[in-house]
Amino acid sequence: MGGWESSEAAEQYLRIVDVVIPRRGEILSTIADLVLALTPDEPSILDLGSRAGDVTAAILEVKPQATVCMADFSDEMIAISQARFRNDSRVRVVKRNMNEGIPERRFDFVVSCFAIHHVKLGIS
């Protein structure tokens, strides 16, 4: 799930992501704007397939009073996210396979950007 089995693969992805995903910055901004418009003042947000935390960073920029649970399956991306947000008490990073459901907690908003297609639907 994700293909980030090595730090080299994760770093390569982060170097090229803005090239291989056209208008990615605009998409991140749109997600952040939706969170701003549709959530309470201090929302609890789940970022599924969070990778390096770009969606979380965009959300916290427009909604600094939010708390975010970042969930990803890749040990490499989790390590990158933990380093990125190590001093930010608003962010919690957890290892989670999206095919096993979401963390046992209530969230005001759930976001996923370029990751939800990894979920296996179980439809025959």
PDB file of N, CA and C in Angstrom:
ATOM      1  N   MET A   1       0.845  -1.186   0.000  1.00  0.00           N
ATOM      2  CA  MET A   1       0.000   0.000   0.000  1.00  0.00           C
ATOM      3  C   MET A   1       0.884   1.240   0.000  1.00  0.00           C
ATOM      4  N   GLY A   2       0.902   1.982  -1.077  1.00  0.00           N
ATOM      5  CA  GLY A   2       1.664   3.218  -1.118  1.00  0.00           C
ATOM      6  C   GLY A   2       3.010   3.082  -1.799  1.00  0.00           C
ATOM      7  N   GLY A   3       3.705   1.936  -1.633  1.00  0.00           N
ATOM      8  CA  GLY A   3       4.969   1.721  -2.290  1.00  0.00           C
ATOM      9  C   GLY A   3       6.135   2.486  -1.700  1.00  0.00           C
ATOM     10  N   TRP A   4       6.063   2.869  -0.434  1.00  0.00           N
ATOM     11  CA  TRP A   4       7.143   3.651   0.183  1.00  0.00           C
ATOM     12  C   TRP A   4       7.930   2.752   1.130  1.00  0.00           C
ATOM     13  N   GLU A   5       8.416   1.614   0.637  1.00  0.00           N
ATOM     14  CA  GLU A   5       9.094   0.640   1.481  1.00  0.00           C
ATOM     15  C   GLU A   5      10.481   1.086   1.914  1.00  0.00           C
ATOM     16  N   SER A   6      11.038   2.077   1.252  1.00  0.00           N
ATOM     17  CA  SER A   6      12.371   2.554   1.610  1.00  0.00           C
ATOM     18  C   SER A   6      12.357   4.067   1.727  1.00  0.00           C
ATOM     19  N   SER A   7      13.324   4.581   2.454  1.00  0.00           N
ATOM     20  CA  SER A   7      13.413   6.037   2.584  1.00  0.00           C
ATOM     21  C   SER A   7      13.737   6.665   1.231  1.00  0.00           C
ATOM     22  N   GLU A   8      14.484   5.955   0.383  1.00  0.00           N
ATOM     23  CA  GLU A   8      14.809   6.479  -0.941  1.00  0.00           C
ATOM     24  C   GLU A   8      13.544   6.649  -1.783  1.00  0.00           C
ATOM     25  N   ALA A   9      12.643   5.659  -1.734  1.00  0.00           N
ATOM     26  CA  ALA A   9      11.396   5.743  -2.501  1.00  0.00           C
ATOM     27  C   ALA A   9      10.529   6.886  -1.991  1.00  0.00           C
ATOM     28  N   ALA A  10      10.450   7.035  -0.676  1.00  0.00           N
ATOM     29  CA  ALA A  10       9.657   8.123  -0.093  1.00  0.00           C
ATOM     30  C   ALA A  10      10.240   9.480  -0.473  1.00  0.00           C
ATOM     31  N   GLU A  11      11.551   9.623  -0.386  1.00  0.00           N
ATOM     32  CA  GLU A  11      12.199  10.887  -0.733  1.00  0.00           C
ATOM     33  C   GLU A  11      12.045  11.198  -2.220  1.00  0.00           C
ATOM     34  N   GLN A  12      12.135  10.177  -3.072  1.00  0.00           N
ATOM     35  CA  GLN A  12      11.944  10.368  -4.515  1.00  0.00           C
ATOM     36  C   GLN A  12      10.533  10.876  -4.786  1.00  0.00           C
ATOM     37  N   TYR A  13       9.537  10.279  -4.145  1.00  0.00           N
ATOM     38  CA  TYR A  13       8.152  10.722  -4.302  1.00  0.00           C
ATOM     39  C   TYR A  13       8.010  12.193  -3.910  1.00  0.00           C
ATOM     40  N   LEU A  14       8.570  12.561  -2.772  1.00  0.00           N
ATOM     41  CA  LEU A  14       8.441  13.939  -2.300  1.00  0.00           C
ATOM     42  C   LEU A  14       9.125  14.933  -3.232  1.00  0.00           C
ATOM     43  N   ARG A  15      10.189  14.503  -3.914  1.00  0.00           N
ATOM     44  CA  ARG A  15      10.876  15.386  -4.862  1.00  0.00           C
ATOM     45  C   ARG A  15      10.052  15.628  -6.122  1.00  0.00           C
ATOM     46  N   ILE A  16       9.267  14.628  -6.550  1.00  0.00           N
ATOM     47  CA  ILE A  16       8.583  14.748  -7.834  1.00  0.00           C
ATOM     48  C   ILE A  16       7.074  14.965  -7.736  1.00  0.00           C
ATOM     49  N   VAL A  17       6.508  14.918  -6.541  1.00  0.00           N
ATOM     50  CA  VAL A  17       5.050  14.932  -6.400  1.00  0.00           C
ATOM     51  C   VAL A  17       4.386  16.143  -7.065  1.00  0.00           C
ATOM     52  N   ASP A  18       4.985  17.302  -6.960  1.00  0.00           N
ATOM     53  CA  ASP A  18       4.374  18.483  -7.567  1.00  0.00           C
ATOM     54  C   ASP A  18       4.440  18.474  -9.091  1.00  0.00           C
ATOM     55  N   VAL A  19       5.306  17.648  -9.652  1.00  0.00           N
ATOM     56  CA  VAL A  19       5.399  17.519 -11.101  1.00  0.00           C
ATOM     57  C   VAL A  19       4.407  16.474 -11.611  1.00  0.00           C
ATOM     58  N   VAL A  20       4.310  15.352 -10.909  1.00  0.00           N
ATOM     59  CA  VAL A  20       3.467  14.255 -11.397  1.00  0.00           C
ATOM     60  C   VAL A  20       1.984  14.447 -11.074  1.00  0.00           C
ATOM     61  N   ILE A  21       1.671  15.352 -10.180  1.00  0.00           N
ATOM     62  CA  ILE A  21       0.268  15.643  -9.852  1.00  0.00           C
ATOM     63  C   ILE A  21      -0.003  17.104 -10.230  1.00  0.00           C
ATOM     64  N   PRO A  22      -0.540  17.311 -11.432  1.00  0.00           N
ATOM     65  CA  PRO A  22      -0.816  18.680 -11.879  1.00  0.00           C
ATOM     66  C   PRO A  22      -1.763  19.412 -10.925  1.00  0.00           C
ATOM     67  N   ARG A  23      -1.478  20.673 -10.690  1.00  0.00           N
ATOM     68  CA  ARG A  23      -2.315  21.565  -9.872  1.00  0.00           C
ATOM     69  C   ARG A  23      -2.456  21.079  -8.427  1.00  0.00           C
ATOM     70  N   ARG A  24      -1.463  20.362  -7.944  1.00  0.00           N
ATOM     71  CA  ARG A  24      -1.495  19.808  -6.592  1.00  0.00           C
ATOM     72  C   ARG A  24      -1.652  20.898  -5.535  1.00  0.00           C
ATOM     73  N   GLY A  25      -0.943  21.999  -5.682  1.00  0.00           N
ATOM     74  CA  GLY A  25      -1.059  23.100  -4.718  1.00  0.00           C
ATOM     75  C   GLY A  25      -2.469  23.642  -4.647  1.00  0.00           C
ATOM     76  N   GLU A  26      -3.107  23.753  -5.792  1.00  0.00           N
ATOM     77  CA  GLU A  26      -4.490  24.222  -5.842  1.00  0.00           C
ATOM     78  C   GLU A  26      -5.434  23.236  -5.146  1.00  0.00           C
ATOM     79  N   ILE A  27      -5.174  21.946  -5.333  1.00  0.00           N
ATOM     80  CA  ILE A  27      -5.997  20.918  -4.689  1.00  0.00           C
ATOM     81  C   ILE A  27      -5.838  20.980  -3.168  1.00  0.00           C
ATOM     82  N   LEU A  28      -4.618  21.106  -2.690  1.00  0.00           N
ATOM     83  CA  LEU A  28      -4.373  21.212  -1.252  1.00  0.00           C
ATOM     84  C   LEU A  28      -5.073  22.442  -0.672  1.00  0.00           C
ATOM     85  N   SER A  29      -5.002  23.545  -1.401  1.00  0.00           N
ATOM     86  CA  SER A  29      -5.656  24.781  -0.966  1.00  0.00           C
ATOM     87  C   SER A  29      -7.171  24.615  -0.907  1.00  0.00           C
ATOM     88  N   THR A  30      -7.739  23.924  -1.876  1.00  0.00           N
ATOM     89  CA  THR A  30      -9.188  23.687  -1.889  1.00  0.00           C
ATOM     90  C   THR A  30      -9.611  22.848  -0.688  1.00  0.00           C
ATOM     91  N   ILE A  31      -8.857  21.812  -0.382  1.00  0.00           N
ATOM     92  CA  ILE A  31      -9.168  20.988   0.789  1.00  0.00           C
ATOM     93  C   ILE A  31      -9.117  21.838   2.057  1.00  0.00           C
ATOM     94  N   ALA A  32      -8.088  22.646   2.196  1.00  0.00           N
ATOM     95  CA  ALA A  32      -7.967  23.512   3.375  1.00  0.00           C
ATOM     96  C   ALA A  32      -9.127  24.495   3.451  1.00  0.00           C
ATOM     97  N   ASP A  33      -9.522  25.060   2.319  1.00  0.00           N
ATOM     98  CA  ASP A  33     -10.652  25.995   2.298  1.00  0.00           C
ATOM     99  C   ASP A  33     -11.954  25.316   2.710  1.00  0.00           C
ATOM    100  N   LEU A  34     -12.154  24.067   2.294  1.00  0.00           N
ATOM    101  CA  LEU A  34     -13.349  23.324   2.695  1.00  0.00           C
ATOM    102  C   LEU A  34     -13.362  23.077   4.204  1.00  0.00           C
ATOM    103  N   VAL A  35     -12.212  22.725   4.751  1.00  0.00           N
ATOM    104  CA  VAL A  35     -12.123  22.539   6.203  1.00  0.00           C
ATOM    105  C   VAL A  35     -12.454  23.845   6.917  1.00  0.00           C
ATOM    106  N   LEU A  36     -11.923  24.948   6.420  1.00  0.00           N
ATOM    107  CA  LEU A  36     -12.182  26.257   7.010  1.00  0.00           C
ATOM    108  C   LEU A  36     -13.676  26.575   7.003  1.00  0.00           C
ATOM    109  N   ALA A  37     -14.335  26.302   5.890  1.00  0.00           N
ATOM    110  CA  ALA A  37     -15.742  26.661   5.733  1.00  0.00           C
ATOM    111  C   ALA A  37     -16.706  25.704   6.422  1.00  0.00           C
ATOM    112  N   LEU A  38     -16.339  24.437   6.544  1.00  0.00           N
ATOM    113  CA  LEU A  38     -17.311  23.433   6.965  1.00  0.00           C
ATOM    114  C   LEU A  38     -17.109  22.840   8.356  1.00  0.00           C
ATOM    115  N   THR A  39     -16.111  23.286   9.086  1.00  0.00           N
ATOM    116  CA  THR A  39     -15.863  22.692  10.398  1.00  0.00           C
ATOM    117  C   THR A  39     -16.090  23.696  11.517  1.00  0.00           C
ATOM    118  N   PRO A  40     -16.277  23.181  12.738  1.00  0.00           N
ATOM    119  CA  PRO A  40     -16.399  24.084  13.889  1.00  0.00           C
ATOM    120  C   PRO A  40     -15.078  24.817  14.148  1.00  0.00           C
ATOM    121  N   ASP A  41     -15.089  25.709  15.127  1.00  0.00           N
ATOM    122  CA  ASP A  41     -13.898  26.520  15.415  1.00  0.00           C
ATOM    123  C   ASP A  41     -12.666  25.690  15.764  1.00  0.00           C
ATOM    124  N   GLU A  42     -12.850  24.617  16.517  1.00  0.00           N
ATOM    125  CA  GLU A  42     -11.732  23.773  16.936  1.00  0.00           C
ATOM    126  C   GLU A  42     -11.976  22.336  16.487  1.00  0.00           C
ATOM    127  N   PRO A  43     -11.884  22.076  15.194  1.00  0.00           N
ATOM    128  CA  PRO A  43     -12.226  20.751  14.693  1.00  0.00           C
ATOM    129  C   PRO A  43     -11.167  19.689  14.970  1.00  0.00           C
ATOM    130  N   SER A  44     -11.648  18.475  15.047  1.00  0.00           N
ATOM    131  CA  SER A  44     -10.793  17.300  15.105  1.00  0.00           C
ATOM    132  C   SER A  44     -10.855  16.668  13.714  1.00  0.00           C
ATOM    133  N   ILE A  45      -9.693  16.524  13.074  1.00  0.00           N
ATOM    134  CA  ILE A  45      -9.639  16.101  11.676  1.00  0.00           C
ATOM    135  C   ILE A  45      -8.802  14.832  11.545  1.00  0.00           C
ATOM    136  N   LEU A  46      -9.265  13.934  10.705  1.00  0.00           N
ATOM    137  CA  LEU A  46      -8.511  12.736  10.353  1.00  0.00           C
ATOM    138  C   LEU A  46      -8.000  12.899   8.931  1.00  0.00           C
ATOM    139  N   ASP A  47      -6.687  12.787   8.753  1.00  0.00           N
ATOM    140  CA  ASP A  47      -6.051  12.865   7.440  1.00  0.00           C
ATOM    141  C   ASP A  47      -5.631  11.446   7.066  1.00  0.00           C
ATOM    142  N   LEU A  48      -6.431  10.784   6.212  1.00  0.00           N
ATOM    143  CA  LEU A  48      -6.179   9.397   5.808  1.00  0.00           C
ATOM    144  C   LEU A  48      -5.164   9.329   4.676  1.00  0.00           C
ATOM    145  N   GLY A  49      -4.190   8.454   4.828  1.00  0.00           N
ATOM    146  CA  GLY A  49      -3.151   8.349   3.803  1.00  0.00           C
ATOM    147  C   GLY A  49      -2.356   9.631   3.744  1.00  0.00           C
ATOM    148  N   SER A  50      -1.956  10.098   4.892  1.00  0.00           N
ATOM    149  CA  SER A  50      -1.403  11.454   5.058  1.00  0.00           C
ATOM    150  C   SER A  50      -0.033  11.680   4.445  1.00  0.00           C
ATOM    151  N   ARG A  51       0.662  10.615   4.119  1.00  0.00           N
ATOM    152  CA  ARG A  51       2.007  10.720   3.551  1.00  0.00           C
ATOM    153  C   ARG A  51       2.868  11.655   4.387  1.00  0.00           C
ATOM    154  N   ALA A  52       3.457  12.691   3.797  1.00  0.00           N
ATOM    155  CA  ALA A  52       4.382  13.574   4.521  1.00  0.00           C
ATOM    156  C   ALA A  52       3.680  14.731   5.230  1.00  0.00           C
ATOM    157  N   GLY A  53       2.351  14.792   5.134  1.00  0.00           N
ATOM    158  CA  GLY A  53       1.615  15.802   5.891  1.00  0.00           C
ATOM    159  C   GLY A  53       1.319  17.100   5.177  1.00  0.00           C
ATOM    160  N   ASP A  54       1.357  17.112   3.867  1.00  0.00           N
ATOM    161  CA  ASP A  54       1.085  18.354   3.151  1.00  0.00           C
ATOM    162  C   ASP A  54      -0.354  18.828   3.332  1.00  0.00           C
ATOM    163  N   VAL A  55      -1.312  17.889   3.359  1.00  0.00           N
ATOM    164  CA  VAL A  55      -2.709  18.271   3.589  1.00  0.00           C
ATOM    165  C   VAL A  55      -2.861  18.821   5.003  1.00  0.00           C
ATOM    166  N   THR A  56      -2.273  18.136   5.960  1.00  0.00           N
ATOM    167  CA  THR A  56      -2.336  18.597   7.352  1.00  0.00           C
ATOM    168  C   THR A  56      -1.745  19.997   7.484  1.00  0.00           C
ATOM    169  N   ALA A  57      -0.603  20.238   6.879  1.00  0.00           N
ATOM    170  CA  ALA A  57       0.032  21.559   6.954  1.00  0.00           C
ATOM    171  C   ALA A  57      -0.864  22.629   6.349  1.00  0.00           C
ATOM    172  N   ALA A  58      -1.505  22.327   5.207  1.00  0.00           N
ATOM    173  CA  ALA A  58      -2.404  23.293   4.563  1.00  0.00           C
ATOM    174  C   ALA A  58      -3.610  23.589   5.453  1.00  0.00           C
ATOM    175  N   ILE A  59      -4.137  22.565   6.094  1.00  0.00           N
ATOM    176  CA  ILE A  59      -5.284  22.745   6.995  1.00  0.00           C
ATOM    177  C   ILE A  59      -4.898  23.599   8.200  1.00  0.00           C
ATOM    178  N   LEU A  60      -3.777  23.281   8.815  1.00  0.00           N
ATOM    179  CA  LEU A  60      -3.365  24.026  10.010  1.00  0.00           C
ATOM    180  C   LEU A  60      -3.029  25.477   9.702  1.00  0.00           C
ATOM    181  N   GLU A  61      -2.676  25.738   8.452  1.00  0.00           N
ATOM    182  CA  GLU A  61      -2.399  27.120   8.050  1.00  0.00           C
ATOM    183  C   GLU A  61      -3.679  27.966   8.087  1.00  0.00           C
ATOM    184  N   VAL A  62      -4.799  27.383   7.650  1.00  0.00           N
ATOM    185  CA  VAL A  62      -6.055  28.143   7.615  1.00  0.00           C
ATOM    186  C   VAL A  62      -6.900  27.929   8.870  1.00  0.00           C
ATOM    187  N   LYS A  63      -6.635  26.861   9.603  1.00  0.00           N
ATOM    188  CA  LYS A  63      -7.420  26.531  10.797  1.00  0.00           C
ATOM    189  C   LYS A  63      -6.455  26.135  11.917  1.00  0.00           C
ATOM    190  N   PRO A  64      -5.699  27.108  12.441  1.00  0.00           N
ATOM    191  CA  PRO A  64      -4.646  26.789  13.406  1.00  0.00           C
ATOM    192  C   PRO A  64      -5.143  26.182  14.724  1.00  0.00           C
ATOM    193  N   GLN A  65      -6.411  26.309  15.014  1.00  0.00           N
ATOM    194  CA  GLN A  65      -6.942  25.751  16.251  1.00  0.00           C
ATOM    195  C   GLN A  65      -7.413  24.298  16.081  1.00  0.00           C
ATOM    196  N   ALA A  66      -7.218  23.736  14.902  1.00  0.00           N
ATOM    197  CA  ALA A  66      -7.602  22.345  14.640  1.00  0.00           C
ATOM    198  C   ALA A  66      -6.607  21.381  15.280  1.00  0.00           C
ATOM    199  N   THR A  67      -7.075  20.158  15.507  1.00  0.00           N
ATOM    200  CA  THR A  67      -6.181  19.050  15.855  1.00  0.00           C
ATOM    201  C   THR A  67      -6.326  18.023  14.736  1.00  0.00           C
ATOM    202  N   VAL A  68      -5.209  17.398  14.372  1.00  0.00           N
ATOM    203  CA  VAL A  68      -5.217  16.475  13.240  1.00  0.00           C
ATOM    204  C   VAL A  68      -4.578  15.150  13.641  1.00  0.00           C
ATOM    205  N   CYS A  69      -5.273  14.072  13.314  1.00  0.00           N
ATOM    206  CA  CYS A  69      -4.720  12.733  13.433  1.00  0.00           C
ATOM    207  C   CYS A  69      -4.326  12.314  12.026  1.00  0.00           C
ATOM    208  N   MET A  70      -3.040  12.164  11.801  1.00  0.00           N
ATOM    209  CA  MET A  70      -2.529  11.736  10.498  1.00  0.00           C
ATOM    210  C   MET A  70      -2.384  10.214  10.521  1.00  0.00           C
ATOM    211  N   ALA A  71      -2.971   9.542   9.538  1.00  0.00           N
ATOM    212  CA  ALA A  71      -2.904   8.080   9.478  1.00  0.00           C
ATOM    213  C   ALA A  71      -2.319   7.641   8.147  1.00  0.00           C
ATOM    214  N   ASP A  72      -1.255   6.851   8.219  1.00  0.00           N
ATOM    215  CA  ASP A  72      -0.625   6.332   7.013  1.00  0.00           C
ATOM    216  C   ASP A  72      -0.111   4.927   7.320  1.00  0.00           C
ATOM    217  N   PHE A  73       0.114   4.148   6.267  1.00  0.00           N
ATOM    218  CA  PHE A  73       0.561   2.772   6.422  1.00  0.00           C
ATOM    219  C   PHE A  73       2.072   2.628   6.244  1.00  0.00           C
ATOM    220  N   SER A  74       2.705   3.590   5.622  1.00  0.00           N
ATOM    221  CA  SER A  74       4.128   3.520   5.305  1.00  0.00           C
ATOM    222  C   SER A  74       4.984   3.978   6.480  1.00  0.00           C
ATOM    223  N   ASP A  75       5.857   3.091   6.942  1.00  0.00           N
ATOM    224  CA  ASP A  75       6.773   3.460   8.026  1.00  0.00           C
ATOM    225  C   ASP A  75       7.637   4.656   7.634  1.00  0.00           C
ATOM    226  N   GLU A  76       8.036   4.712   6.351  1.00  0.00           N
ATOM    227  CA  GLU A  76       8.879   5.817   5.886  1.00  0.00           C
ATOM    228  C   GLU A  76       8.141   7.148   5.928  1.00  0.00           C
ATOM    229  N   MET A  77       6.906   7.169   5.451  1.00  0.00           N
ATOM    230  CA  MET A  77       6.131   8.417   5.476  1.00  0.00           C
ATOM    231  C   MET A  77       5.777   8.811   6.909  1.00  0.00           C
ATOM    232  N   ILE A  78       5.524   7.837   7.760  1.00  0.00           N
ATOM    233  CA  ILE A  78       5.253   8.130   9.164  1.00  0.00           C
ATOM    234  C   ILE A  78       6.469   8.797   9.810  1.00  0.00           C
ATOM    235  N   ALA A  79       7.647   8.271   9.532  1.00  0.00           N
ATOM    236  CA  ALA A  79       8.874   8.861  10.084  1.00  0.00           C
ATOM    237  C   ALA A  79       9.061  10.300   9.600  1.00  0.00           C
ATOM    238  N   ILE A  80       8.787  10.532   8.316  1.00  0.00           N
ATOM    239  CA  ILE A  80       8.905  11.891   7.768  1.00  0.00           C
ATOM    240  C   ILE A  80       7.895  12.821   8.443  1.00  0.00           C
ATOM    241  N   SER A  81       6.664  12.352   8.606  1.00  0.00           N
ATOM    242  CA  SER A  81       5.613  13.162   9.236  1.00  0.00           C
ATOM    243  C   SER A  81       5.929  13.442  10.705  1.00  0.00           C
ATOM    244  N   GLN A  82       6.397  12.410  11.402  1.00  0.00           N
ATOM    245  CA  GLN A  82       6.733  12.606  12.813  1.00  0.00           C
ATOM    246  C   GLN A  82       7.846  13.635  12.972  1.00  0.00           C
ATOM    247  N   ALA A  83       8.826  13.604  12.093  1.00  0.00           N
ATOM    248  CA  ALA A  83       9.898  14.601  12.151  1.00  0.00           C
ATOM    249  C   ALA A  83       9.356  15.988  11.817  1.00  0.00           C
ATOM    250  N   ARG A  84       8.508  16.067  10.825  1.00  0.00           N
ATOM    251  CA  ARG A  84       7.963  17.358  10.381  1.00  0.00           C
ATOM    252  C   ARG A  84       7.123  18.028  11.469  1.00  0.00           C
ATOM    253  N   PHE A  85       6.337  17.241  12.190  1.00  0.00           N
ATOM    254  CA  PHE A  85       5.409  17.800  13.178  1.00  0.00           C
ATOM    255  C   PHE A  85       5.812  17.481  14.625  1.00  0.00           C
ATOM    256  N   ARG A  86       7.071  17.140  14.855  1.00  0.00           N
ATOM    257  CA  ARG A  86       7.501  16.693  16.185  1.00  0.00           C
ATOM    258  C   ARG A  86       7.241  17.709  17.295  1.00  0.00           C
ATOM    259  N   ASN A  87       7.246  18.973  16.980  1.00  0.00           N
ATOM    260  CA  ASN A  87       7.023  20.003  18.003  1.00  0.00           C
ATOM    261  C   ASN A  87       5.628  20.609  17.944  1.00  0.00           C
ATOM    262  N   ASP A  88       4.722  19.951  17.261  1.00  0.00           N
ATOM    263  CA  ASP A  88       3.367  20.486  17.093  1.00  0.00           C
ATOM    264  C   ASP A  88       2.369  19.602  17.841  1.00  0.00           C
ATOM    265  N   SER A  89       1.911  20.077  18.969  1.00  0.00           N
ATOM    266  CA  SER A  89       0.997  19.286  19.804  1.00  0.00           C
ATOM    267  C   SER A  89      -0.377  19.099  19.174  1.00  0.00           C
ATOM    268  N   ARG A  90      -0.661  19.811  18.099  1.00  0.00           N
ATOM    269  CA  ARG A  90      -1.960  19.670  17.428  1.00  0.00           C
ATOM    270  C   ARG A  90      -2.017  18.432  16.537  1.00  0.00           C
ATOM    271  N   VAL A  91      -0.859  17.820  16.288  1.00  0.00           N
ATOM    272  CA  VAL A  91      -0.778  16.729  15.322  1.00  0.00           C
ATOM    273  C   VAL A  91      -0.366  15.429  16.007  1.00  0.00           C
ATOM    274  N   ARG A  92      -1.098  14.365  15.657  1.00  0.00           N
ATOM    275  CA  ARG A  92      -0.764  13.014  16.101  1.00  0.00           C
ATOM    276  C   ARG A  92      -0.602  12.162  14.844  1.00  0.00           C
ATOM    277  N   VAL A  93       0.467  11.400  14.767  1.00  0.00           N
ATOM    278  CA  VAL A  93       0.735  10.551  13.599  1.00  0.00           C
ATOM    279  C   VAL A  93       0.605   9.095  14.028  1.00  0.00           C
ATOM    280  N   VAL A  94      -0.234   8.341  13.307  1.00  0.00           N
ATOM    281  CA  VAL A  94      -0.440   6.932  13.637  1.00  0.00           C
ATOM    282  C   VAL A  94      -0.266   6.064  12.400  1.00  0.00           C
ATOM    283  N   LYS A  95       0.143   4.823  12.632  1.00  0.00           N
ATOM    284  CA  LYS A  95       0.221   3.859  11.533  1.00  0.00           C
ATOM    285  C   LYS A  95      -1.138   3.194  11.409  1.00  0.00           C
ATOM    286  N   ARG A  96      -1.683   3.238  10.192  1.00  0.00           N
ATOM    287  CA  ARG A  96      -3.017   2.658   9.985  1.00  0.00           C
ATOM    288  C   ARG A  96      -3.175   2.230   8.533  1.00  0.00           C
ATOM    289  N   ASN A  97      -3.641   1.015   8.341  1.00  0.00           N
ATOM    290  CA  ASN A  97      -3.992   0.514   7.024  1.00  0.00           C
ATOM    291  C   ASN A  97      -5.440   0.911   6.780  1.00  0.00           C
ATOM    292  N   MET A  98      -5.697   1.703   5.764  1.00  0.00           N
ATOM    293  CA  MET A  98      -7.051   2.195   5.497  1.00  0.00           C
ATOM    294  C   MET A  98      -8.037   1.062   5.230  1.00  0.00           C
ATOM    295  N   ASN A  99      -7.542  -0.105   4.828  1.00  0.00           N
ATOM    296  CA  ASN A  99      -8.424  -1.247   4.598  1.00  0.00           C
ATOM    297  C   ASN A  99      -8.935  -1.856   5.901  1.00  0.00           C
ATOM    298  N   GLU A 100      -8.391  -1.435   7.023  1.00  0.00           N
ATOM    299  CA  GLU A 100      -8.812  -1.946   8.328  1.00  0.00           C
ATOM    300  C   GLU A 100      -9.717  -0.957   9.061  1.00  0.00           C
ATOM    301  N   GLY A 101     -10.176   0.056   8.374  1.00  0.00           N
ATOM    302  CA  GLY A 101     -11.065   1.047   8.986  1.00  0.00           C
ATOM    303  C   GLY A 101     -10.298   2.215   9.557  1.00  0.00           C
ATOM    304  N   ILE A 102     -11.040   3.157  10.100  1.00  0.00           N
ATOM    305  CA  ILE A 102     -10.411   4.351  10.656  1.00  0.00           C
ATOM    306  C   ILE A 102     -10.187   4.176  12.151  1.00  0.00           C
ATOM    307  N   PRO A 103      -9.292   4.982  12.732  1.00  0.00           N
ATOM    308  CA  PRO A 103      -9.049   4.891  14.172  1.00  0.00           C
ATOM    309  C   PRO A 103     -10.354   5.050  14.968  1.00  0.00           C
ATOM    310  N   GLU A 104     -10.423   4.363  16.079  1.00  0.00           N
ATOM    311  CA  GLU A 104     -11.622   4.359  16.925  1.00  0.00           C
ATOM    312  C   GLU A 104     -11.759   5.688  17.655  1.00  0.00           C
ATOM    313  N   ARG A 105     -12.258   6.671  16.962  1.00  0.00           N
ATOM    314  CA  ARG A 105     -12.404   8.004  17.535  1.00  0.00           C
ATOM    315  C   ARG A 105     -13.361   8.800  16.666  1.00  0.00           C
ATOM    316  N   ARG A 106     -13.961   9.798  17.211  1.00  0.00           N
ATOM    317  CA  ARG A 106     -14.875  10.642  16.447  1.00  0.00           C
ATOM    318  C   ARG A 106     -14.105  11.846  15.892  1.00  0.00           C
ATOM    319  N   PHE A 107     -14.374  12.161  14.620  1.00  0.00           N
ATOM    320  CA  PHE A 107     -13.731  13.290  13.958  1.00  0.00           C
ATOM    321  C   PHE A 107     -14.802  14.192  13.365  1.00  0.00           C
ATOM    322  N   ASP A 108     -14.531  15.486  13.337  1.00  0.00           N
ATOM    323  CA  ASP A 108     -15.442  16.436  12.711  1.00  0.00           C
ATOM    324  C   ASP A 108     -15.332  16.389  11.194  1.00  0.00           C
ATOM    325  N   PHE A 109     -14.176  16.008  10.690  1.00  0.00           N
ATOM    326  CA  PHE A 109     -13.917  16.056   9.257  1.00  0.00           C
ATOM    327  C   PHE A 109     -12.871  15.003   8.922  1.00  0.00           C
ATOM    328  N   VAL A 110     -13.056  14.298   7.817  1.00  0.00           N
ATOM    329  CA  VAL A 110     -12.076  13.321   7.344  1.00  0.00           C
ATOM    330  C   VAL A 110     -11.630  13.761   5.954  1.00  0.00           C
ATOM    331  N   VAL A 111     -10.323  13.839   5.755  1.00  0.00           N
ATOM    332  CA  VAL A 111      -9.776  14.225   4.457  1.00  0.00           C
ATOM    333  C   VAL A 111      -8.847  13.129   3.948  1.00  0.00           C
ATOM    334  N   SER A 112      -8.720  13.060   2.649  1.00  0.00           N
ATOM    335  CA  SER A 112      -7.765  12.165   2.016  1.00  0.00           C
ATOM    336  C   SER A 112      -7.442  12.755   0.648  1.00  0.00           C
ATOM    337  N   CYS A 113      -6.176  12.888   0.370  1.00  0.00           N
ATOM    338  CA  CYS A 113      -5.760  13.494  -0.891  1.00  0.00           C
ATOM    339  C   CYS A 113      -4.786  12.555  -1.593  1.00  0.00           C
ATOM    340  N   PHE A 114      -5.201  12.022  -2.733  1.00  0.00           N
ATOM    341  CA  PHE A 114      -4.372  11.127  -3.530  1.00  0.00           C
ATOM    342  C   PHE A 114      -4.007   9.845  -2.792  1.00  0.00           C
ATOM    343  N   ALA A 115      -4.898   9.355  -1.929  1.00  0.00           N
ATOM    344  CA  ALA A 115      -4.612   8.115  -1.215  1.00  0.00           C
ATOM    345  C   ALA A 115      -5.807   7.176  -1.156  1.00  0.00           C
ATOM    346  N   ILE A 116      -7.005   7.691  -1.231  1.00  0.00           N
ATOM    347  CA  ILE A 116      -8.197   6.874  -1.018  1.00  0.00           C
ATOM    348  C   ILE A 116      -8.337   5.775  -2.076  1.00  0.00           C
ATOM    349  N   HIS A 117      -7.716   5.954  -3.234  1.00  0.00           N
ATOM    350  CA  HIS A 117      -7.789   4.930  -4.271  1.00  0.00           C
ATOM    351  C   HIS A 117      -7.069   3.636  -3.869  1.00  0.00           C
ATOM    352  N   HIS A 118      -6.315   3.656  -2.787  1.00  0.00           N
ATOM    353  CA  HIS A 118      -5.646   2.456  -2.293  1.00  0.00           C
ATOM    354  C   HIS A 118      -6.579   1.557  -1.480  1.00  0.00           C
ATOM    355  N   VAL A 119      -7.753   2.050  -1.124  1.00  0.00           N
ATOM    356  CA  VAL A 119      -8.685   1.259  -0.319  1.00  0.00           C
ATOM    357  C   VAL A 119      -9.314   0.178  -1.184  1.00  0.00           C
ATOM    358  N   LYS A 120      -9.304  -1.040  -0.678  1.00  0.00           N
ATOM    359  CA  LYS A 120      -9.942  -2.160  -1.368  1.00  0.00           C
ATOM    360  C   LYS A 120     -11.407  -2.184  -0.952  1.00  0.00           C
ATOM    361  N   LEU A 121     -12.298  -2.130  -1.927  1.00  0.00           N
ATOM    362  CA  LEU A 121     -13.722  -2.003  -1.635  1.00  0.00           C
ATOM    363  C   LEU A 121     -14.394  -3.295  -1.207  1.00  0.00           C
ATOM    364  N   GLY A 122     -13.848  -4.421  -1.489  1.00  0.00           N
ATOM    365  CA  GLY A 122     -14.469  -5.682  -1.098  1.00  0.00           C
ATOM    366  C   GLY A 122     -15.712  -6.000  -1.906  1.00  0.00           C
ATOM    367  N   ILE A 123     -15.828  -5.426  -3.089  1.00  0.00           N
ATOM    368  CA  ILE A 123     -16.971  -5.676  -3.955  1.00  0.00           C
ATOM    369  C   ILE A 123     -16.583  -6.789  -4.937  1.00  0.00           C
ATOM    370  N   SER A 124     -17.428  -7.769  -5.049  1.00  0.00           N
ATOM    371  CA  SER A 124     -17.140  -8.891  -5.969  1.00  0.00           C
ATOM    372  C   SER A 124     -17.608  -8.592  -7.364  1.00  0.00           C
TER     373      SER A 124
END
